[in-house]
Amino acid sequence: MKQIQFNQSIQSLVSLYPETKDILFDLGFKDIVKPGMIQTVGRFMTLSKGAELKGISLDLIKKTFNQHGYDIKEE
C-alpha cells in the first residue's frame, strides 16, 4: 500500500501520486483542477486543512484513499 499523511501538502501528494488529484476531486476538492491551484495553494494546504475547509470528514477521506490502495498515517 502507498503511504500518505494527513499533514502532507496537496502539492507533494499529487507530485508523488498524480492519480490522487482525481480522488481528491471526487471527494469534493473541486478547486484542485483549476490552473495553478496545486502550485500555489497546494504548497501549504494539507489534507486535514483542506478537509476542514471543505467540510469533508477525515474518516471519509481515509476510507476513500484506502479503497484506492493508500494507507493514511495520522500524526
PDB file of N, CA and C in Angstrom:
ATOM      1  N   MET A   1       0.835  -1.196   0.000  1.00  0.00           N
ATOM      2  CA  MET A   1       0.000   0.000   0.000  1.00  0.00           C
ATOM      3  C   MET A   1       0.876   1.255   0.000  1.00  0.00           C
ATOM      4  N   LYS A   2       0.432   2.252  -0.723  1.00  0.00           N
ATOM      5  CA  LYS A   2       1.138   3.527  -0.744  1.00  0.00           C
ATOM      6  C   LYS A   2       0.777   4.289   0.527  1.00  0.00           C
ATOM      7  N   GLN A   3       1.770   4.946   1.108  1.00  0.00           N
ATOM      8  CA  GLN A   3       1.547   5.666   2.370  1.00  0.00           C
ATOM      9  C   GLN A   3       1.514   7.172   2.139  1.00  0.00           C
ATOM     10  N   ILE A   4       0.488   7.807   2.718  1.00  0.00           N
ATOM     11  CA  ILE A   4       0.380   9.257   2.704  1.00  0.00           C
ATOM     12  C   ILE A   4       0.021   9.716   4.113  1.00  0.00           C
ATOM     13  N   GLN A   5       0.095  11.022   4.344  1.00  0.00           N
ATOM     14  CA  GLN A   5      -0.187  11.564   5.674  1.00  0.00           C
ATOM     15  C   GLN A   5      -1.193  12.702   5.569  1.00  0.00           C
ATOM     16  N   PHE A   6      -2.005  12.857   6.627  1.00  0.00           N
ATOM     17  CA  PHE A   6      -2.980  13.941   6.658  1.00  0.00           C
ATOM     18  C   PHE A   6      -2.296  15.306   6.647  1.00  0.00           C
ATOM     19  N   ASN A   7      -1.071  15.402   7.189  1.00  0.00           N
ATOM     20  CA  ASN A   7      -0.387  16.696   7.238  1.00  0.00           C
ATOM     21  C   ASN A   7       0.522  16.931   6.030  1.00  0.00           C
ATOM     22  N   GLN A   8       0.423  16.088   5.030  1.00  0.00           N
ATOM     23  CA  GLN A   8       1.203  16.226   3.804  1.00  0.00           C
ATOM     24  C   GLN A   8       0.547  17.284   2.911  1.00  0.00           C
ATOM     25  N   SER A   9       1.360  18.106   2.275  1.00  0.00           N
ATOM     26  CA  SER A   9       0.776  19.127   1.400  1.00  0.00           C
ATOM     27  C   SER A   9       0.151  18.472   0.172  1.00  0.00           C
ATOM     28  N   ILE A  10      -0.886  19.114  -0.335  1.00  0.00           N
ATOM     29  CA  ILE A  10      -1.566  18.618  -1.534  1.00  0.00           C
ATOM     30  C   ILE A  10      -0.583  18.574  -2.704  1.00  0.00           C
ATOM     31  N   GLN A  11       0.274  19.576  -2.779  1.00  0.00           N
ATOM     32  CA  GLN A  11       1.255  19.625  -3.868  1.00  0.00           C
ATOM     33  C   GLN A  11       2.187  18.413  -3.827  1.00  0.00           C
ATOM     34  N   SER A  12       2.712  18.073  -2.663  1.00  0.00           N
ATOM     35  CA  SER A  12       3.624  16.928  -2.582  1.00  0.00           C
ATOM     36  C   SER A  12       2.877  15.620  -2.820  1.00  0.00           C
ATOM     37  N   LEU A  13       1.647  15.549  -2.362  1.00  0.00           N
ATOM     38  CA  LEU A  13       0.835  14.354  -2.563  1.00  0.00           C
ATOM     39  C   LEU A  13       0.597  14.101  -4.054  1.00  0.00           C
ATOM     40  N   VAL A  14       0.177  15.139  -4.772  1.00  0.00           N
ATOM     41  CA  VAL A  14      -0.096  14.997  -6.200  1.00  0.00           C
ATOM     42  C   VAL A  14       1.195  14.807  -6.992  1.00  0.00           C
ATOM     43  N   SER A  15       2.301  15.372  -6.517  1.00  0.00           N
ATOM     44  CA  SER A  15       3.587  15.164  -7.187  1.00  0.00           C
ATOM     45  C   SER A  15       4.027  13.707  -7.077  1.00  0.00           C
ATOM     46  N   LEU A  16       3.851  13.129  -5.891  1.00  0.00           N
ATOM     47  CA  LEU A  16       4.227  11.724  -5.676  1.00  0.00           C
ATOM     48  C   LEU A  16       3.281  10.760  -6.381  1.00  0.00           C
ATOM     49  N   TYR A  17       2.004  11.030  -6.284  1.00  0.00           N
ATOM     50  CA  TYR A  17       0.961  10.157  -6.815  1.00  0.00           C
ATOM     51  C   TYR A  17      -0.038  10.990  -7.626  1.00  0.00           C
ATOM     52  N   PRO A  18       0.237  11.226  -8.898  1.00  0.00           N
ATOM     53  CA  PRO A  18      -0.627  12.083  -9.725  1.00  0.00           C
ATOM     54  C   PRO A  18      -2.102  11.658  -9.752  1.00  0.00           C
ATOM     55  N   GLU A  19      -2.366  10.375  -9.593  1.00  0.00           N
ATOM     56  CA  GLU A  19      -3.740   9.882  -9.620  1.00  0.00           C
ATOM     57  C   GLU A  19      -4.570  10.374  -8.433  1.00  0.00           C
ATOM     58  N   THR A  20      -3.907  10.872  -7.379  1.00  0.00           N
ATOM     59  CA  THR A  20      -4.643  11.367  -6.210  1.00  0.00           C
ATOM     60  C   THR A  20      -5.418  12.642  -6.529  1.00  0.00           C
ATOM     61  N   LYS A  21      -5.032  13.333  -7.580  1.00  0.00           N
ATOM     62  CA  LYS A  21      -5.757  14.544  -7.982  1.00  0.00           C
ATOM     63  C   LYS A  21      -7.214  14.201  -8.290  1.00  0.00           C
ATOM     64  N   ASP A  22      -7.437  13.102  -9.003  1.00  0.00           N
ATOM     65  CA  ASP A  22      -8.797  12.674  -9.335  1.00  0.00           C
ATOM     66  C   ASP A  22      -9.553  12.217  -8.091  1.00  0.00           C
ATOM     67  N   ILE A  23      -8.870  11.539  -7.186  1.00  0.00           N
ATOM     68  CA  ILE A  23      -9.503  11.088  -5.942  1.00  0.00           C
ATOM     69  C   ILE A  23      -9.955  12.297  -5.131  1.00  0.00           C
ATOM     70  N   LEU A  24      -9.078  13.281  -5.012  1.00  0.00           N
ATOM     71  CA  LEU A  24      -9.410  14.484  -4.260  1.00  0.00           C
ATOM     72  C   LEU A  24     -10.575  15.236  -4.903  1.00  0.00           C
ATOM     73  N   PHE A  25     -10.574  15.321  -6.217  1.00  0.00           N
ATOM     74  CA  PHE A  25     -11.670  15.987  -6.927  1.00  0.00           C
ATOM     75  C   PHE A  25     -12.998  15.293  -6.623  1.00  0.00           C
ATOM     76  N   ASP A  26     -12.996  13.970  -6.686  1.00  0.00           N
ATOM     77  CA  ASP A  26     -14.211  13.201  -6.410  1.00  0.00           C
ATOM     78  C   ASP A  26     -14.682  13.354  -4.966  1.00  0.00           C
ATOM     79  N   LEU A  27     -13.741  13.596  -4.058  1.00  0.00           N
ATOM     80  CA  LEU A  27     -14.087  13.794  -2.649  1.00  0.00           C
ATOM     81  C   LEU A  27     -14.699  15.169  -2.382  1.00  0.00           C
ATOM     82  N   GLY A  28     -14.526  16.104  -3.297  1.00  0.00           N
ATOM     83  CA  GLY A  28     -15.090  17.433  -3.095  1.00  0.00           C
ATOM     84  C   GLY A  28     -14.085  18.565  -3.175  1.00  0.00           C
ATOM     85  N   PHE A  29     -12.829  18.245  -3.438  1.00  0.00           N
ATOM     86  CA  PHE A  29     -11.802  19.271  -3.611  1.00  0.00           C
ATOM     87  C   PHE A  29     -11.866  19.750  -5.065  1.00  0.00           C
ATOM     88  N   LYS A  30     -12.964  20.389  -5.421  1.00  0.00           N
ATOM     89  CA  LYS A  30     -13.242  20.760  -6.815  1.00  0.00           C
ATOM     90  C   LYS A  30     -12.252  21.788  -7.366  1.00  0.00           C
ATOM     91  N   ASP A  31     -11.694  22.632  -6.502  1.00  0.00           N
ATOM     92  CA  ASP A  31     -10.760  23.674  -6.967  1.00  0.00           C
ATOM     93  C   ASP A  31      -9.422  23.108  -7.420  1.00  0.00           C
ATOM     94  N   ILE A  32      -9.173  21.858  -7.136  1.00  0.00           N
ATOM     95  CA  ILE A  32      -7.877  21.262  -7.444  1.00  0.00           C
ATOM     96  C   ILE A  32      -7.592  21.236  -8.948  1.00  0.00           C
ATOM     97  N   VAL A  33      -8.636  21.268  -9.758  1.00  0.00           N
ATOM     98  CA  VAL A  33      -8.435  21.216 -11.209  1.00  0.00           C
ATOM     99  C   VAL A  33      -8.242  22.601 -11.838  1.00  0.00           C
ATOM    100  N   LYS A  34      -8.424  23.643 -11.057  1.00  0.00           N
ATOM    101  CA  LYS A  34      -8.203  24.993 -11.585  1.00  0.00           C
ATOM    102  C   LYS A  34      -6.714  25.190 -11.853  1.00  0.00           C
ATOM    103  N   PRO A  35      -6.385  25.799 -12.989  1.00  0.00           N
ATOM    104  CA  PRO A  35      -4.973  26.022 -13.322  1.00  0.00           C
ATOM    105  C   PRO A  35      -4.225  26.774 -12.216  1.00  0.00           C
ATOM    106  N   GLY A  36      -3.087  26.249 -11.834  1.00  0.00           N
ATOM    107  CA  GLY A  36      -2.229  26.913 -10.857  1.00  0.00           C
ATOM    108  C   GLY A  36      -2.561  26.650  -9.401  1.00  0.00           C
ATOM    109  N   MET A  37      -3.688  26.027  -9.107  1.00  0.00           N
ATOM    110  CA  MET A  37      -4.076  25.826  -7.705  1.00  0.00           C
ATOM    111  C   MET A  37      -3.097  24.926  -6.950  1.00  0.00           C
ATOM    112  N   ILE A  38      -2.654  23.856  -7.562  1.00  0.00           N
ATOM    113  CA  ILE A  38      -1.731  22.942  -6.877  1.00  0.00           C
ATOM    114  C   ILE A  38      -0.391  23.632  -6.627  1.00  0.00           C
ATOM    115  N   GLN A  39       0.056  24.449  -7.577  1.00  0.00           N
ATOM    116  CA  GLN A  39       1.345  25.122  -7.429  1.00  0.00           C
ATOM    117  C   GLN A  39       1.297  26.286  -6.440  1.00  0.00           C
ATOM    118  N   THR A  40       0.131  26.835  -6.184  1.00  0.00           N
ATOM    119  CA  THR A  40       0.031  27.970  -5.263  1.00  0.00           C
ATOM    120  C   THR A  40      -0.515  27.523  -3.912  1.00  0.00           C
ATOM    121  N   VAL A  41      -1.808  27.360  -3.832  1.00  0.00           N
ATOM    122  CA  VAL A  41      -2.451  26.981  -2.568  1.00  0.00           C
ATOM    123  C   VAL A  41      -2.011  25.589  -2.133  1.00  0.00           C
ATOM    124  N   GLY A  42      -1.792  24.701  -3.091  1.00  0.00           N
ATOM    125  CA  GLY A  42      -1.401  23.327  -2.784  1.00  0.00           C
ATOM    126  C   GLY A  42      -0.079  23.187  -2.052  1.00  0.00           C
ATOM    127  N   ARG A  43       0.741  24.226  -2.106  1.00  0.00           N
ATOM    128  CA  ARG A  43       2.035  24.168  -1.405  1.00  0.00           C
ATOM    129  C   ARG A  43       1.870  24.154   0.102  1.00  0.00           C
ATOM    130  N   PHE A  44       0.852  24.838   0.615  1.00  0.00           N
ATOM    131  CA  PHE A  44       0.685  24.891   2.072  1.00  0.00           C
ATOM    132  C   PHE A  44      -0.596  24.213   2.560  1.00  0.00           C
ATOM    133  N   MET A  45      -1.504  23.885   1.655  1.00  0.00           N
ATOM    134  CA  MET A  45      -2.749  23.214   2.029  1.00  0.00           C
ATOM    135  C   MET A  45      -2.479  21.725   2.235  1.00  0.00           C
ATOM    136  N   THR A  46      -2.909  21.202   3.374  1.00  0.00           N
ATOM    137  CA  THR A  46      -2.752  19.782   3.667  1.00  0.00           C
ATOM    138  C   THR A  46      -4.103  19.085   3.529  1.00  0.00           C
ATOM    139  N   LEU A  47      -4.083  17.770   3.573  1.00  0.00           N
ATOM    140  CA  LEU A  47      -5.339  17.016   3.523  1.00  0.00           C
ATOM    141  C   LEU A  47      -6.255  17.401   4.677  1.00  0.00           C
ATOM    142  N   SER A  48      -5.680  17.492   5.878  1.00  0.00           N
ATOM    143  CA  SER A  48      -6.517  17.801   7.044  1.00  0.00           C
ATOM    144  C   SER A  48      -7.056  19.233   6.994  1.00  0.00           C
ATOM    145  N   LYS A  49      -6.237  20.203   6.588  1.00  0.00           N
ATOM    146  CA  LYS A  49      -6.715  21.587   6.467  1.00  0.00           C
ATOM    147  C   LYS A  49      -7.774  21.701   5.383  1.00  0.00           C
ATOM    148  N   GLY A  50      -7.544  21.030   4.261  1.00  0.00           N
ATOM    149  CA  GLY A  50      -8.492  21.061   3.160  1.00  0.00           C
ATOM    150  C   GLY A  50      -9.822  20.427   3.536  1.00  0.00           C
ATOM    151  N   ALA A  51      -9.756  19.332   4.275  1.00  0.00           N
ATOM    152  CA  ALA A  51     -10.973  18.658   4.728  1.00  0.00           C
ATOM    153  C   ALA A  51     -11.786  19.572   5.634  1.00  0.00           C
ATOM    154  N   GLU A  52     -11.101  20.242   6.534  1.00  0.00           N
ATOM    155  CA  GLU A  52     -11.776  21.172   7.444  1.00  0.00           C
ATOM    156  C   GLU A  52     -12.412  22.320   6.660  1.00  0.00           C
ATOM    157  N   LEU A  53     -11.665  22.872   5.729  1.00  0.00           N
ATOM    158  CA  LEU A  53     -12.142  23.986   4.919  1.00  0.00           C
ATOM    159  C   LEU A  53     -13.361  23.604   4.069  1.00  0.00           C
ATOM    160  N   LYS A  54     -13.327  22.397   3.511  1.00  0.00           N
ATOM    161  CA  LYS A  54     -14.399  21.937   2.623  1.00  0.00           C
ATOM    162  C   LYS A  54     -15.521  21.210   3.368  1.00  0.00           C
ATOM    163  N   GLY A  55     -15.334  20.965   4.664  1.00  0.00           N
ATOM    164  CA  GLY A  55     -16.360  20.262   5.436  1.00  0.00           C
ATOM    165  C   GLY A  55     -16.453  18.781   5.092  1.00  0.00           C
ATOM    166  N   ILE A  56     -15.308  18.182   4.800  1.00  0.00           N
ATOM    167  CA  ILE A  56     -15.247  16.769   4.429  1.00  0.00           C
ATOM    168  C   ILE A  56     -14.678  15.985   5.601  1.00  0.00           C
ATOM    169  N   SER A  57     -15.339  14.924   5.956  1.00  0.00           N
ATOM    170  CA  SER A  57     -14.927  14.084   7.076  1.00  0.00           C
ATOM    171  C   SER A  57     -13.572  13.420   6.807  1.00  0.00           C
ATOM    172  N   LEU A  58     -12.689  13.463   7.810  1.00  0.00           N
ATOM    173  CA  LEU A  58     -11.402  12.785   7.674  1.00  0.00           C
ATOM    174  C   LEU A  58     -11.599  11.283   7.533  1.00  0.00           C
ATOM    175  N   ASP A  59     -12.644  10.741   8.169  1.00  0.00           N
ATOM    176  CA  ASP A  59     -12.944   9.320   8.033  1.00  0.00           C
ATOM    177  C   ASP A  59     -13.298   8.970   6.590  1.00  0.00           C
ATOM    178  N   LEU A  60     -14.067   9.848   5.926  1.00  0.00           N
ATOM    179  CA  LEU A  60     -14.415   9.613   4.524  1.00  0.00           C
ATOM    180  C   LEU A  60     -13.170   9.653   3.642  1.00  0.00           C
ATOM    181  N   ILE A  61     -12.293  10.609   3.907  1.00  0.00           N
ATOM    182  CA  ILE A  61     -11.049  10.710   3.140  1.00  0.00           C
ATOM    183  C   ILE A  61     -10.220   9.449   3.333  1.00  0.00           C
ATOM    184  N   LYS A  62     -10.082   9.024   4.573  1.00  0.00           N
ATOM    185  CA  LYS A  62      -9.298   7.831   4.869  1.00  0.00           C
ATOM    186  C   LYS A  62      -9.895   6.597   4.184  1.00  0.00           C
ATOM    187  N   LYS A  63     -11.195   6.441   4.287  1.00  0.00           N
ATOM    188  CA  LYS A  63     -11.880   5.295   3.684  1.00  0.00           C
ATOM    189  C   LYS A  63     -11.703   5.293   2.160  1.00  0.00           C
ATOM    190  N   THR A  64     -11.882   6.462   1.544  1.00  0.00           N
ATOM    191  CA  THR A  64     -11.769   6.574   0.089  1.00  0.00           C
ATOM    192  C   THR A  64     -10.356   6.262  -0.382  1.00  0.00           C
ATOM    193  N   PHE A  65      -9.370   6.813   0.301  1.00  0.00           N
ATOM    194  CA  PHE A  65      -7.984   6.530  -0.092  1.00  0.00           C
ATOM    195  C   PHE A  65      -7.639   5.066   0.139  1.00  0.00           C
ATOM    196  N   ASN A  66      -8.150   4.472   1.210  1.00  0.00           N
ATOM    197  CA  ASN A  66      -7.938   3.039   1.447  1.00  0.00           C
ATOM    198  C   ASN A  66      -8.494   2.209   0.298  1.00  0.00           C
ATOM    199  N   GLN A  67      -9.660   2.591  -0.201  1.00  0.00           N
ATOM    200  CA  GLN A  67     -10.277   1.869  -1.316  1.00  0.00           C
ATOM    201  C   GLN A  67      -9.452   1.961  -2.593  1.00  0.00           C
ATOM    202  N   HIS A  68      -8.626   3.003  -2.686  1.00  0.00           N
ATOM    203  CA  HIS A  68      -7.768   3.182  -3.860  1.00  0.00           C
ATOM    204  C   HIS A  68      -6.339   2.683  -3.623  1.00  0.00           C
ATOM    205  N   GLY A  69      -6.126   1.971  -2.513  1.00  0.00           N
ATOM    206  CA  GLY A  69      -4.816   1.368  -2.264  1.00  0.00           C
ATOM    207  C   GLY A  69      -3.834   2.225  -1.497  1.00  0.00           C
ATOM    208  N   TYR A  70      -4.329   3.196  -0.748  1.00  0.00           N
ATOM    209  CA  TYR A  70      -3.472   4.081   0.041  1.00  0.00           C
ATOM    210  C   TYR A  70      -3.719   3.862   1.520  1.00  0.00           C
ATOM    211  N   ASP A  71      -2.659   4.009   2.293  1.00  0.00           N
ATOM    212  CA  ASP A  71      -2.760   3.967   3.750  1.00  0.00           C
ATOM    213  C   ASP A  71      -2.436   5.365   4.253  1.00  0.00           C
ATOM    214  N   ILE A  72      -3.351   5.937   5.033  1.00  0.00           N
ATOM    215  CA  ILE A  72      -3.118   7.282   5.560  1.00  0.00           C
ATOM    216  C   ILE A  72      -2.617   7.168   6.987  1.00  0.00           C
ATOM    217  N   LYS A  73      -1.439   7.718   7.216  1.00  0.00           N
ATOM    218  CA  LYS A  73      -0.869   7.744   8.553  1.00  0.00           C
ATOM    219  C   LYS A  73      -1.284   9.043   9.225  1.00  0.00           C
ATOM    220  N   GLU A  74      -1.746   8.915  10.435  1.00  0.00           N
ATOM    221  CA  GLU A  74      -2.128  10.099  11.222  1.00  0.00           C
ATOM    222  C   GLU A  74      -1.011  10.418  12.195  1.00  0.00           C
ATOM    223  N   GLU A  75      -0.697  11.690  12.337  1.00  0.00           N
ATOM    224  CA  GLU A  75       0.360  12.094  13.282  1.00  0.00           C
ATOM    225  C   GLU A  75      -0.185  13.003  14.334  1.00  0.00           C
TER     226      GLU A  75
END
